[in-house]
Amino acid sequence: MNPRTLAVCAVVPALAAGLLAVSAPVAAASDTVTRTVSFEHKCRVDGATDWDSSFSDNMEVTAPTSVRPGEQFTVKLHPGTMRSSDSDTGRIKYDIALPQGATLVSYSLVGDSSSNLIGETAVLLRVGADGNANPAGEYLRITGTGNKTVNDGPSANDNKPKEGLQVKANTDFRLPAVELKLEARSDEGNATTHLRAGATSPSIKIKDTSMSFGESRWVNAAGYCVAAGEGRNALSTTEVFTTNQTETMVAVALEALTGEDVKIAASIDPNPSEGTVEFFDGDTKIGSATVDSNGHAELVWPFRDQGEHRITAKFLGTKKFSSSESADKTVTVTVPGVIVVEPVDPTEPETPGGTGSLGDIFSKLPTGSLGG
């Protein structure tokens, strides 16, 4: 096969061989973060003599920090830039384990995300432990279209390094990024992604490897690699959580004077220990406060206008606690120094001549007066 530069990583249609089509876009989950996971692939090389080597990998991982049960979300795993040895390298394969705590909905390679690869076009296969394409396999594999490896697949050969996915000697290269569309578990927990961790140390001809390759030398060589350090841990961890329904209550003095500082207190149940409460006078927002460790938030507010003020508190919610709004409390505000005359009780009206009536007033006037 004539080597050719890989300009674009192909995302090929689903076939019986296990190639998968491009997935539909997924709505972005909140709080998506990108981090770099640095580790090494420790290798044992079988050649004229046996020797150890390694590839330094700085994988870029993008995943949401949290999702809800059953929510679909996207994780992107992009192997870092690595450097080939002093020999042309081929039959490259790179294995990723299926996610834990989530269902794999679809998978694809990200176009234009590789560099300096030659030979066969890079594809993403779902394979079993034996390296053969398998729609129910435990691993996803970056490889060439022919799935040519040194010992882990249908076209395995440890003596034909100038085949499959290749890179020239002494060259910085990068494998394409993998995009996973996942559906979160139905209960609370974590959804995680991993490499094919395999054995704890490399040895010649093992199949349970994170990476393997062939080298073109005067005696051809084959390398068998296992992930070490952070490469054996979770690459991404997404928390799957349920939302707690909250109730917000507000407390405030029911009478106040204009200009007087009045404390308005809100309490949230169950206690979220975080978040924000907004306070309203009718439809007007008058301030906000942070929820403390006891689930309380307070605002001091000077009422400026006399009359009745309908006060409510609204908890804005967090990732794990829903928003909620209190019932209103009515505060009657008066002007200092103004006497408020209580209205007559309509159920017991004053009778003519009774105490406090006009007849009573007139009866107390002296003879010869207006009432005489």
Protein backbone atom coordinates (compact mmCIF):
# COMPACT_ATOMS: atom_id res chain seq x y z
CA MET A 1 0.00 0.00 0.00
CA ASN A 2 1.34 3.42 -0.93
CA PRO A 3 1.57 5.69 2.12
CA ARG A 4 -0.45 8.85 1.86
CA THR A 5 -0.82 11.78 4.17
CA LEU A 6 -3.98 11.76 6.26
CA ALA A 7 -5.50 15.16 5.66
CA VAL A 8 -8.78 14.50 7.41
CA CYS A 9 -9.69 11.70 9.82
CA ALA A 10 -12.48 9.79 8.16
CA VAL A 11 -15.69 9.20 10.04
CA VAL A 12 -17.09 6.24 8.17
CA PRO A 13 -20.62 4.78 8.02
CA ALA A 14 -21.62 1.91 10.24
CA LEU A 15 -20.75 -1.44 8.72
CA ALA A 16 -20.84 -5.02 9.84
CA ALA A 17 -17.14 -4.61 10.58
CA GLY A 18 -18.05 -2.22 13.38
CA LEU A 19 -17.33 1.21 11.89
CA LEU A 20 -19.73 3.87 13.18
CA ALA A 21 -21.37 6.83 11.47
CA VAL A 22 -21.14 10.44 12.60
CA SER A 23 -23.41 11.01 15.59
CA ALA A 24 -26.06 13.70 15.71
CA PRO A 25 -25.23 16.82 17.76
CA VAL A 26 -25.99 16.56 21.45
CA ALA A 27 -27.30 19.40 23.58
CA ALA A 28 -24.40 20.66 25.66
CA ALA A 29 -24.51 19.70 29.32
CA SER A 30 -23.83 22.41 31.85
CA ASP A 31 -20.43 23.00 33.47
CA THR A 32 -18.40 21.30 30.74
CA VAL A 33 -14.68 21.46 31.51
CA THR A 34 -11.50 20.51 29.66
CA ARG A 35 -8.44 19.15 31.43
CA THR A 36 -5.20 17.44 30.48
CA VAL A 37 -4.39 13.96 31.80
CA SER A 38 -0.66 13.23 31.57
CA PHE A 39 0.70 9.69 31.67
CA GLU A 40 2.95 7.27 29.80
CA HIS A 41 2.39 4.18 27.71
CA LYS A 42 5.13 1.83 28.95
CA CYS A 43 6.23 -0.49 26.15
CA ARG A 44 8.22 -3.68 25.69
CA VAL A 45 9.63 -4.04 22.18
CA ASP A 46 10.31 -7.37 20.49
CA GLY A 47 13.15 -6.99 17.97
CA ALA A 48 16.64 -8.28 17.29
CA THR A 49 16.92 -7.87 21.04
CA ASP A 50 14.17 -6.90 23.45
CA TRP A 51 14.07 -3.43 24.99
CA ASP A 52 11.83 -0.99 26.84
CA SER A 53 10.44 2.23 25.44
CA SER A 54 7.55 4.57 26.16
CA PHE A 55 5.25 7.23 24.72
CA SER A 56 4.40 10.33 26.75
CA ASP A 57 0.71 11.12 26.35
CA ASN A 58 -1.02 14.34 27.42
CA MET A 59 -4.64 13.51 26.73
CA GLU A 60 -7.10 16.39 26.44
CA VAL A 61 -10.39 15.42 28.07
CA THR A 62 -13.61 17.42 27.76
CA ALA A 63 -16.66 16.37 29.78
CA PRO A 64 -19.47 17.85 31.88
CA THR A 65 -18.93 17.82 35.63
CA SER A 66 -22.51 16.73 36.31
CA VAL A 67 -25.68 15.55 34.58
CA ARG A 68 -29.07 14.22 35.65
CA PRO A 69 -30.12 10.56 35.47
CA GLY A 70 -30.93 9.54 31.90
CA GLU A 71 -29.52 12.77 30.44
CA GLN A 72 -27.49 12.50 27.24
CA PHE A 73 -24.10 14.20 27.17
CA THR A 74 -20.86 14.28 25.20
CA VAL A 75 -17.31 13.40 26.23
CA LYS A 76 -14.30 14.11 24.01
CA LEU A 77 -10.98 12.27 24.45
CA HIS A 78 -8.02 13.50 22.41
CA PRO A 79 -4.70 11.64 22.74
CA GLY A 80 -1.80 14.04 23.10
CA THR A 81 1.08 14.70 20.75
CA MET A 82 3.57 11.81 20.83
CA ARG A 83 6.89 11.25 19.09
CA SER A 84 7.93 8.24 17.05
CA SER A 85 11.28 6.51 17.50
CA ASP A 86 14.18 6.62 15.07
CA SER A 87 12.34 4.10 12.89
CA ASP A 88 9.25 4.34 10.71
CA THR A 89 6.29 3.10 12.73
CA GLY A 90 3.12 1.37 11.55
CA ARG A 91 0.24 -0.89 12.57
CA ILE A 92 -0.60 1.64 15.29
CA LYS A 93 -3.63 0.93 17.44
CA TYR A 94 -4.92 2.85 20.47
CA ASP A 95 -7.65 1.32 22.68
CA ILE A 96 -10.21 3.07 24.89
CA ALA A 97 -12.51 1.18 27.26
CA LEU A 98 -16.26 1.64 27.09
CA PRO A 99 -17.58 4.10 29.69
CA GLN A 100 -18.78 2.98 33.10
CA GLY A 101 -21.98 4.31 34.67
CA ALA A 102 -23.34 5.40 31.29
CA THR A 103 -24.66 3.84 28.10
CA LEU A 104 -22.72 4.38 24.88
CA VAL A 105 -25.16 5.89 22.38
CA SER A 106 -22.73 6.62 19.54
CA TYR A 107 -19.07 7.31 18.87
CA SER A 108 -17.05 9.03 16.15
CA LEU A 109 -13.72 10.60 15.31
CA VAL A 110 -13.44 14.38 15.23
CA GLY A 111 -12.40 15.59 11.78
CA ASP A 112 -9.17 17.55 11.30
CA SER A 113 -7.92 16.62 14.77
CA SER A 114 -4.89 14.45 13.87
CA SER A 115 -1.44 15.34 12.58
CA ASN A 116 1.40 13.67 10.65
CA LEU A 117 -0.30 10.30 10.19
CA ILE A 118 0.22 8.38 6.96
CA GLY A 119 -0.81 5.01 5.56
CA GLU A 120 -4.40 3.93 6.02
CA THR A 121 -7.10 6.41 6.97
CA ALA A 122 -7.76 6.56 10.70
CA VAL A 123 -11.07 5.05 11.81
CA LEU A 124 -12.76 4.23 15.10
CA LEU A 125 -13.85 0.61 15.64
CA ARG A 126 -15.70 -1.13 18.42
CA VAL A 127 -13.78 -4.30 19.17
CA GLY A 128 -13.75 -7.21 21.58
CA ALA A 129 -10.86 -8.31 23.77
CA ASP A 130 -9.44 -10.24 20.79
CA GLY A 131 -9.25 -7.07 18.69
CA ASN A 132 -11.88 -8.17 16.19
CA ALA A 133 -14.70 -5.80 15.29
CA ASN A 134 -17.65 -6.54 17.54
CA PRO A 135 -20.80 -4.40 17.96
CA ALA A 136 -20.95 -5.57 21.58
CA GLY A 137 -17.20 -5.24 22.21
CA GLU A 138 -15.70 -3.75 25.36
CA TYR A 139 -13.33 -1.33 23.61
CA LEU A 140 -13.13 1.46 21.05
CA ARG A 141 -10.03 1.40 18.85
CA ILE A 142 -8.27 4.08 16.83
CA THR A 143 -6.63 2.21 13.95
CA GLY A 144 -6.38 2.14 10.16
CA THR A 145 -9.25 1.05 7.93
CA GLY A 146 -7.87 -2.51 7.79
CA ASN A 147 -7.50 -2.83 11.59
CA LYS A 148 -3.92 -3.98 11.02
CA THR A 149 -2.05 -4.49 14.29
CA VAL A 150 0.96 -6.48 15.45
CA ASN A 151 -1.02 -9.17 17.30
CA ASP A 152 -4.48 -7.96 18.29
CA GLY A 153 -6.96 -8.23 15.45
CA PRO A 154 -7.99 -10.04 12.27
CA SER A 155 -4.95 -8.91 10.25
CA ALA A 156 -2.33 -9.16 12.99
CA ASN A 157 1.29 -9.45 11.90
CA ASP A 158 4.36 -8.47 13.91
CA ASN A 159 6.69 -8.48 10.89
CA LYS A 160 5.01 -6.04 8.46
CA PRO A 161 5.34 -2.60 10.08
CA LYS A 162 4.86 -0.61 6.86
CA GLU A 163 1.09 -1.22 6.89
CA GLY A 164 -1.96 0.11 8.67
CA LEU A 165 -1.91 3.46 10.43
CA GLN A 166 1.64 4.84 10.22
CA VAL A 167 4.00 7.68 11.09
CA LYS A 168 7.51 8.48 9.85
CA ALA A 169 10.59 8.18 12.08
CA ASN A 170 11.46 10.98 14.55
CA THR A 171 8.12 12.68 13.99
CA ASP A 172 5.71 14.38 16.34
CA PHE A 173 2.26 12.98 15.62
CA ARG A 174 -1.20 13.10 17.11
CA LEU A 175 -4.01 10.61 16.86
CA PRO A 176 -7.52 11.94 16.18
CA ALA A 177 -9.94 12.93 18.93
CA VAL A 178 -12.76 10.58 19.91
CA GLU A 179 -16.24 11.94 20.61
CA LEU A 180 -18.59 9.83 22.71
CA LYS A 181 -22.31 10.45 23.01
CA LEU A 182 -23.44 8.91 26.31
CA GLU A 183 -26.65 8.48 28.28
CA ALA A 184 -26.28 8.76 32.03
CA ARG A 185 -27.25 5.99 34.39
CA SER A 186 -30.76 6.01 35.87
CA ASP A 187 -29.59 6.44 39.47
CA GLU A 188 -27.11 8.64 41.27
CA GLY A 189 -23.39 7.90 40.93
CA ASN A 190 -20.55 8.63 38.50
CA ALA A 191 -20.11 8.13 34.78
CA THR A 192 -16.44 7.59 33.91
CA THR A 193 -14.22 6.99 30.89
CA HIS A 194 -10.97 5.00 30.81
CA LEU A 195 -8.26 3.69 28.54
CA ARG A 196 -7.88 -0.02 28.02
CA ALA A 197 -5.73 -0.33 31.12
CA GLY A 198 -4.65 -3.92 30.50
CA ALA A 199 -1.76 -5.49 32.33
CA THR A 200 0.14 -3.51 34.95
CA SER A 201 3.44 -3.98 33.10
CA PRO A 202 4.18 -4.58 29.42
CA SER A 203 5.37 -7.87 28.02
CA ILE A 204 5.93 -9.21 24.53
CA LYS A 205 2.93 -10.48 22.59
CA ILE A 206 0.29 -9.54 25.17
CA LYS A 207 -3.02 -8.46 23.63
CA ASP A 208 -4.46 -6.52 26.56
CA THR A 209 -2.68 -3.27 25.70
CA SER A 210 -3.52 0.42 25.52
CA MET A 211 -1.33 0.85 22.45
CA SER A 212 0.77 -1.31 20.12
CA PHE A 213 2.86 -0.73 16.99
CA GLY A 214 5.44 -2.13 14.60
CA GLU A 215 8.82 -0.60 13.73
CA SER A 216 10.67 -0.89 10.43
CA ARG A 217 14.27 -1.86 11.28
CA TRP A 218 16.92 -4.15 9.82
CA VAL A 219 15.13 -6.70 11.98
CA ASN A 220 11.53 -5.56 12.25
CA ALA A 221 10.24 -4.93 15.75
CA ALA A 222 6.86 -4.93 17.49
CA GLY A 223 5.96 -2.91 20.60
CA TYR A 224 3.36 -3.78 23.25
CA CYS A 225 2.33 -0.96 25.61
CA VAL A 226 0.25 -0.53 28.76
CA ALA A 227 -0.96 2.71 30.31
CA ALA A 228 0.83 3.75 33.48
CA GLY A 229 0.13 6.29 36.23
CA GLU A 230 -2.92 8.47 35.62
CA GLY A 231 -3.59 6.52 32.45
CA ARG A 232 -4.91 3.69 34.60
CA ASN A 233 -7.44 5.91 36.38
CA ALA A 234 -10.62 7.57 35.18
CA LEU A 235 -9.96 10.03 32.37
CA SER A 236 -13.25 11.84 33.00
CA THR A 237 -15.70 11.69 35.88
CA THR A 238 -19.21 13.08 35.49
CA GLU A 239 -21.47 13.08 38.53
CA VAL A 240 -25.01 11.83 37.97
CA PHE A 241 -27.39 13.41 40.48
CA THR A 242 -31.07 13.96 41.17
CA THR A 243 -32.61 17.35 41.99
CA ASN A 244 -34.04 18.00 45.47
CA GLN A 245 -37.34 19.85 45.51
CA THR A 246 -37.14 22.86 47.85
CA GLU A 247 -39.55 25.03 49.82
CA THR A 248 -38.77 28.68 50.55
CA MET A 249 -40.26 30.55 53.52
CA VAL A 250 -39.97 34.26 54.34
CA ALA A 251 -40.20 36.00 57.72
CA VAL A 252 -40.56 39.75 58.29
CA ALA A 253 -42.17 42.13 60.82
CA LEU A 254 -45.72 42.92 59.72
CA GLU A 255 -45.50 46.61 60.74
CA ALA A 256 -42.76 49.12 60.01
CA LEU A 257 -42.09 52.86 59.77
CA THR A 258 -40.87 54.59 56.63
CA GLY A 259 -37.07 54.73 56.55
CA GLU A 260 -36.76 52.08 59.25
CA ASP A 261 -34.32 49.21 58.55
CA VAL A 262 -36.30 45.97 58.52
CA LYS A 263 -34.75 42.50 58.39
CA ILE A 264 -36.27 40.14 55.84
CA ALA A 265 -35.22 36.52 56.39
CA ALA A 266 -35.62 33.54 54.05
CA SER A 267 -35.10 29.87 54.88
CA ILE A 268 -34.72 27.02 52.38
CA ASP A 269 -35.78 23.43 53.09
CA PRO A 270 -33.99 21.11 52.53
CA ASN A 271 -30.85 23.11 53.20
CA PRO A 272 -28.75 23.60 50.02
CA SER A 273 -25.94 25.44 51.87
CA GLU A 274 -25.38 27.49 48.72
CA GLY A 275 -27.20 29.51 46.10
CA THR A 276 -28.93 32.87 46.02
CA VAL A 277 -32.24 34.25 47.27
CA GLU A 278 -33.87 37.27 45.63
CA PHE A 279 -36.30 39.42 47.63
CA PHE A 280 -39.29 41.22 46.12
CA ASP A 281 -41.66 43.99 47.14
CA GLY A 282 -44.60 43.18 44.92
CA ASP A 283 -43.06 42.70 41.48
CA THR A 284 -40.01 44.84 42.26
CA LYS A 285 -36.74 43.17 43.20
CA ILE A 286 -35.33 44.94 46.25
CA GLY A 287 -32.17 42.88 46.78
CA SER A 288 -30.53 39.47 47.00
CA ALA A 289 -28.45 37.46 49.46
CA THR A 290 -26.36 34.30 49.50
CA VAL A 291 -27.70 31.21 51.25
CA ASP A 292 -25.52 30.39 54.26
CA SER A 293 -24.51 27.01 55.67
CA ASN A 294 -27.73 26.88 57.68
CA GLY A 295 -29.96 27.38 54.65
CA HIS A 296 -30.79 31.00 55.52
CA ALA A 297 -30.49 34.28 53.63
CA GLU A 298 -31.19 37.78 54.98
CA LEU A 299 -31.75 41.25 53.59
CA VAL A 300 -32.05 44.54 55.52
CA TRP A 301 -34.40 46.90 53.72
CA PRO A 302 -35.64 50.43 54.58
CA PHE A 303 -39.23 50.85 53.37
CA ARG A 304 -39.59 54.29 51.78
CA ASP A 305 -43.29 54.44 51.02
CA GLN A 306 -46.18 54.10 53.41
CA GLY A 307 -48.86 51.57 52.70
CA GLU A 308 -49.00 47.83 52.31
CA HIS A 309 -46.00 45.98 50.87
CA ARG A 310 -46.26 42.37 49.65
CA ILE A 311 -42.89 40.72 50.42
CA THR A 312 -41.72 37.45 48.84
CA ALA A 313 -38.44 35.52 48.64
CA LYS A 314 -37.32 33.45 45.66
CA PHE A 315 -34.56 30.82 45.86
CA LEU A 316 -32.91 30.64 42.42
CA GLY A 317 -31.89 26.99 42.74
CA THR A 318 -28.60 25.14 42.19
CA LYS A 319 -27.55 22.03 40.30
CA LYS A 320 -28.92 19.78 43.02
CA PHE A 321 -31.70 21.90 44.51
CA SER A 322 -34.70 23.23 42.61
CA SER A 323 -35.81 26.85 42.66
CA SER A 324 -38.81 27.82 44.79
CA GLU A 325 -40.73 30.92 45.88
CA SER A 326 -42.28 31.75 49.22
CA ALA A 327 -45.83 32.77 49.98
CA ASP A 328 -46.08 36.53 50.46
CA LYS A 329 -46.11 38.42 53.76
CA THR A 330 -47.78 41.84 53.89
CA VAL A 331 -45.93 44.61 55.75
CA THR A 332 -47.92 47.73 56.70
CA VAL A 333 -45.66 50.79 56.59
CA THR A 334 -46.63 54.08 58.26
CA VAL A 335 -45.04 57.53 58.57
CA PRO A 336 -43.47 58.23 62.00
CA GLY A 337 -45.65 60.53 64.22
CA VAL A 338 -48.88 59.96 62.31
CA ILE A 339 -51.70 58.57 64.46
CA VAL A 340 -53.61 55.88 62.76
CA VAL A 341 -57.35 56.05 63.58
CA GLU A 342 -58.83 52.61 63.78
CA PRO A 343 -62.03 52.27 61.74
CA VAL A 344 -65.38 51.64 63.47
CA ASP A 345 -66.28 47.99 63.65
CA PRO A 346 -69.26 47.69 61.27
CA THR A 347 -70.66 44.78 63.28
CA GLU A 348 -71.23 47.02 66.34
CA PRO A 349 -72.15 50.50 65.05
CA GLU A 350 -72.61 53.35 67.53
CA THR A 351 -76.28 53.88 68.41
CA PRO A 352 -77.79 57.40 68.55
CA GLY A 353 -77.49 58.76 72.05
CA GLY A 354 -74.96 56.15 72.94
CA THR A 355 -71.52 56.86 74.32
CA GLY A 356 -69.54 58.79 71.77
CA SER A 357 -72.62 59.57 69.63
CA LEU A 358 -73.86 63.00 68.59
CA GLY A 359 -76.78 62.60 71.04
CA ASP A 360 -74.31 62.03 73.84
CA ILE A 361 -72.32 65.11 72.87
CA PHE A 362 -75.42 67.31 72.70
CA SER A 363 -76.72 66.03 76.07
CA LYS A 364 -73.59 67.30 77.75
CA LEU A 365 -73.98 70.90 76.48
CA PRO A 366 -75.18 73.48 79.09
CA THR A 367 -78.68 74.97 78.98
CA GLY A 368 -78.92 77.77 76.48
CA SER A 369 -76.25 76.36 74.27
CA LEU A 370 -76.63 75.16 70.70
CA GLY A 371 -78.08 71.96 72.00
CA GLY A 372 -80.58 73.65 74.43
